[in-house]
Amino acid sequence: MYVLDTNVLSALAHKRPNPKVVDWVSNLRAPIAIPFSAVFEIQRGISMLKPKDAPRAASLAKWLKSLLESDVVFLAMDAPVAQLYADMTLIPALQDLWVPCKNAKKPGQDLAIAATAIAHRAVVASMNTKDFVRIDRYFRLRGLFNPDCGKWDIPLASARRSSGVQTHEREQQRWHHRPPPRQRRLFPVRCSRFPFSQVLRTTIENSAVLS
């Protein structure tokens, strides 16, 4: 499973979505998940945009609603995530990732995203990986993938235990095609949900109109 960083979701929500990210998501067979912290950041951005550009904010709010109503897994801040997140905040070298500096425009969510991914034994997908690489020095990530350049900045955990390029490539393929986990263990769904591919198709169609 891949836990999507906010910048990956933003790349899909853009008026002209990043084609590399769209292509990666379109061809991905492994399940994807949205962490609570990404929803927080997106909603905060929508609320801040509303006074400046109400139509665009409304469009993004509709997109976020459709995303959350799709079959994409939503990962909440449960007890294991909260406990791990708390331990992360005690590392002095990571303090700037959760305590915003004076010039920061928003509080960082990378620690929370990393804690969510580790607790659910998932890979982080991000277009800005440097902070996750730093987190990995203290709390081992299962893997870190950049869909914008198609690069594994942190190899899969299973590949780290072995050596050789072929082993890593084989593990990447296995993870890429990994079957989804049992949904009820991660996100109890009581209502019918439409596939994420429908949200993605709408995104692509809207970008075609704007181009």
Protein backbone atom coordinates (compact mmCIF):
# COMPACT_ATOMS: atom_id res chain seq x y z
CA MET A 1 0.00 0.00 0.00
CA TYR A 2 1.16 3.53 -0.80
CA VAL A 3 0.39 6.43 1.56
CA LEU A 4 0.14 9.59 -0.53
CA ASP A 5 1.79 12.78 0.64
CA THR A 6 -0.22 15.98 0.24
CA ASN A 7 1.91 17.16 -2.69
CA VAL A 8 1.01 14.02 -4.68
CA LEU A 9 -2.70 14.65 -4.14
CA SER A 10 -2.22 18.33 -4.98
CA ALA A 11 -0.51 17.34 -8.23
CA LEU A 12 -3.70 15.50 -9.17
CA ALA A 13 -5.98 18.34 -8.08
CA HIS A 14 -4.13 21.00 -10.08
CA LYS A 15 -5.84 22.66 -13.03
CA ARG A 16 -3.25 20.93 -15.17
CA PRO A 17 -2.35 17.75 -13.26
CA ASN A 18 1.22 16.51 -13.29
CA PRO A 19 1.20 13.96 -16.17
CA LYS A 20 3.88 11.81 -14.52
CA VAL A 21 1.87 11.49 -11.33
CA VAL A 22 -1.36 10.83 -13.26
CA ASP A 23 0.37 8.11 -15.27
CA TRP A 24 1.84 6.51 -12.14
CA VAL A 25 -1.48 6.44 -10.31
CA SER A 26 -3.32 5.22 -13.41
CA ASN A 27 -1.00 2.23 -13.80
CA LEU A 28 -0.62 1.43 -10.11
CA ARG A 29 -2.18 -1.85 -9.03
CA ALA A 30 -1.21 -1.67 -5.38
CA PRO A 31 -3.76 0.05 -3.11
CA ILE A 32 -3.33 3.71 -2.21
CA ALA A 33 -4.29 5.46 1.00
CA ILE A 34 -4.87 9.03 2.13
CA PRO A 35 -3.60 9.91 5.62
CA PHE A 36 -5.61 12.18 7.88
CA SER A 37 -2.84 14.79 7.78
CA ALA A 38 -3.11 15.16 4.00
CA VAL A 39 -6.85 15.81 4.34
CA PHE A 40 -6.03 18.39 7.01
CA GLU A 41 -3.58 20.22 4.75
CA ILE A 42 -5.86 20.14 1.70
CA GLN A 43 -8.89 21.35 3.65
CA ARG A 44 -6.85 24.10 5.26
CA GLY A 45 -5.68 25.24 1.84
CA ILE A 46 -9.25 25.25 0.51
CA SER A 47 -10.49 27.29 3.46
CA MET A 48 -7.66 29.81 3.03
CA LEU A 49 -8.37 30.08 -0.71
CA LYS A 50 -12.11 30.69 -0.33
CA PRO A 51 -11.92 34.48 0.38
CA LYS A 52 -9.55 34.99 -2.58
CA ASP A 53 -11.03 32.64 -5.18
CA ALA A 54 -14.39 31.23 -4.16
CA PRO A 55 -15.07 29.32 -7.43
CA ARG A 56 -11.71 27.55 -7.33
CA ALA A 57 -12.15 26.75 -3.63
CA ALA A 58 -15.58 25.29 -4.36
CA SER A 59 -14.14 23.19 -7.18
CA LEU A 60 -11.39 21.83 -4.93
CA ALA A 61 -13.88 21.14 -2.13
CA LYS A 62 -15.98 19.12 -4.57
CA TRP A 63 -12.87 17.22 -5.70
CA LEU A 64 -11.86 16.45 -2.11
CA LYS A 65 -15.39 15.28 -1.30
CA SER A 66 -15.41 12.92 -4.28
CA LEU A 67 -11.97 11.63 -3.31
CA LEU A 68 -13.06 10.84 0.24
CA GLU A 69 -16.22 9.18 -1.04
CA SER A 70 -14.24 6.92 -3.39
CA ASP A 71 -12.83 3.51 -2.54
CA VAL A 72 -9.44 4.95 -1.59
CA VAL A 73 -8.42 3.91 1.92
CA PHE A 74 -8.53 6.71 4.51
CA LEU A 75 -6.09 6.29 7.40
CA ALA A 76 -7.18 8.03 10.58
CA MET A 77 -5.12 9.13 13.57
CA ASP A 78 -5.65 6.00 15.65
CA ALA A 79 -3.82 5.02 18.85
CA PRO A 80 -0.77 3.32 17.24
CA VAL A 81 -0.22 6.27 14.89
CA ALA A 82 -0.61 8.78 17.74
CA GLN A 83 1.86 6.91 19.95
CA LEU A 84 4.48 6.69 17.22
CA TYR A 85 3.93 10.33 16.27
CA ALA A 86 4.48 11.32 19.91
CA ASP A 87 7.81 9.46 19.99
CA MET A 88 8.88 11.21 16.78
CA THR A 89 8.31 14.65 18.28
CA LEU A 90 10.84 13.86 21.02
CA ILE A 91 13.75 13.61 18.57
CA PRO A 92 15.59 16.99 18.62
CA ALA A 93 16.78 16.58 15.02
CA LEU A 94 13.14 16.30 13.86
CA GLN A 95 11.71 19.09 15.97
CA ASP A 96 11.44 21.54 13.08
CA LEU A 97 9.11 19.11 11.29
CA TRP A 98 6.33 19.58 13.84
CA VAL A 99 7.08 22.91 15.56
CA PRO A 100 6.69 25.60 12.87
CA CYS A 101 9.30 28.34 12.81
CA LYS A 102 8.32 32.01 12.81
CA ASN A 103 8.41 32.28 9.02
CA ALA A 104 6.57 29.01 8.35
CA LYS A 105 3.31 29.39 6.42
CA LYS A 106 1.81 26.21 7.87
CA PRO A 107 2.64 23.46 10.39
CA GLY A 108 4.44 20.52 8.81
CA GLN A 109 2.69 17.18 8.43
CA ASP A 110 5.56 14.98 7.27
CA LEU A 111 6.04 13.41 10.71
CA ALA A 112 2.35 12.53 10.91
CA ILE A 113 2.39 11.08 7.39
CA ALA A 114 5.48 9.03 8.19
CA ALA A 115 3.96 7.78 11.45
CA THR A 116 0.81 6.75 9.58
CA ALA A 117 2.78 4.89 6.92
CA ILE A 118 4.98 3.07 9.44
CA ALA A 119 2.04 2.05 11.61
CA HIS A 120 0.27 0.57 8.57
CA ARG A 121 3.44 -0.94 7.08
CA ALA A 122 2.98 1.13 3.94
CA VAL A 123 5.27 2.94 1.50
CA VAL A 124 5.30 6.76 1.39
CA ALA A 125 4.79 8.38 -2.01
CA SER A 126 6.00 11.98 -2.08
CA MET A 127 7.38 14.53 -4.54
CA ASN A 128 9.44 16.19 -1.80
CA THR A 129 11.37 13.42 -0.13
CA LYS A 130 14.21 15.07 1.79
CA ASP A 131 12.36 15.30 5.11
CA PHE A 132 11.22 11.69 4.87
CA VAL A 133 14.80 10.62 4.23
CA ARG A 134 15.74 12.44 7.44
CA ILE A 135 12.91 10.78 9.36
CA ASP A 136 14.09 7.39 8.13
CA ARG A 137 17.37 7.83 10.01
CA TYR A 138 15.46 7.54 13.29
CA PHE A 139 12.28 5.68 12.34
CA ARG A 140 12.65 3.17 9.54
CA LEU A 141 10.23 3.68 6.65
CA ARG A 142 9.08 0.69 4.65
CA GLY A 143 9.99 2.58 1.48
CA LEU A 144 9.89 6.02 -0.13
CA PHE A 145 8.91 6.56 -3.76
CA ASN A 146 8.89 9.77 -5.80
CA PRO A 147 6.25 9.43 -8.57
CA ASP A 148 7.39 12.64 -10.25
CA CYS A 149 10.76 11.15 -11.22
CA GLY A 150 9.96 7.46 -10.77
CA LYS A 151 12.72 7.04 -8.19
CA TRP A 152 12.92 5.06 -4.95
CA ASP A 153 14.70 7.45 -2.57
CA ILE A 154 14.46 4.78 0.13
CA PRO A 155 14.44 1.18 -1.13
CA LEU A 156 11.73 -1.19 0.00
CA ALA A 157 12.43 -2.69 3.42
CA SER A 158 12.41 -6.19 1.98
CA ALA A 159 15.01 -5.17 -0.60
CA ARG A 160 17.28 -3.56 2.01
CA ARG A 161 17.83 -6.94 3.61
CA SER A 162 19.22 -8.26 0.33
CA SER A 163 21.85 -6.95 -2.03
CA GLY A 164 21.88 -6.56 -5.77
CA VAL A 165 19.94 -4.51 -8.30
CA GLN A 166 17.93 -7.48 -9.52
CA THR A 167 16.64 -8.21 -6.03
CA HIS A 168 15.47 -4.64 -5.57
CA GLU A 169 13.80 -4.52 -8.98
CA ARG A 170 12.02 -7.79 -8.25
CA GLU A 171 10.78 -6.46 -4.91
CA GLN A 172 9.55 -3.25 -6.58
CA GLN A 173 7.51 -5.23 -9.07
CA ARG A 174 6.08 -7.43 -6.34
CA TRP A 175 5.09 -4.39 -4.27
CA HIS A 176 3.68 -2.52 -7.28
CA HIS A 177 1.31 -5.41 -7.97
CA ARG A 178 0.59 -6.28 -4.37
CA PRO A 179 -3.10 -7.10 -3.72
CA PRO A 180 -5.03 -4.68 -1.50
CA PRO A 181 -5.35 -5.41 2.22
CA ARG A 182 -8.69 -6.45 3.68
CA GLN A 183 -10.57 -3.17 3.63
CA ARG A 184 -12.46 -3.69 6.87
CA ARG A 185 -9.22 -3.70 8.86
CA LEU A 186 -8.24 -0.21 7.69
CA PHE A 187 -11.42 1.67 6.91
CA PRO A 188 -14.81 0.26 7.90
CA VAL A 189 -17.12 1.14 5.03
CA ARG A 190 -20.86 1.10 5.61
CA CYS A 191 -21.94 2.67 2.33
CA SER A 192 -21.25 1.86 -1.30
CA ARG A 193 -18.25 3.69 -2.75
CA PHE A 194 -17.32 4.46 -6.34
CA PRO A 195 -13.83 3.61 -7.63
CA PHE A 196 -10.95 6.05 -7.39
CA SER A 197 -10.43 5.60 -11.14
CA GLN A 198 -13.62 7.61 -11.64
CA VAL A 199 -12.16 10.54 -9.68
CA LEU A 200 -8.95 10.29 -11.69
CA ARG A 201 -10.82 10.14 -14.99
CA THR A 202 -12.75 13.29 -14.08
CA THR A 203 -9.47 15.01 -13.18
CA ILE A 204 -7.96 14.16 -16.56
CA GLU A 205 -11.08 15.25 -18.44
CA ASN A 206 -11.13 18.59 -16.63
CA SER A 207 -7.47 19.22 -17.42
CA ALA A 208 -8.13 18.46 -21.11
CA VAL A 209 -10.82 21.15 -21.17
CA LEU A 210 -8.42 23.68 -19.66
CA SER A 211 -5.50 22.89 -21.96
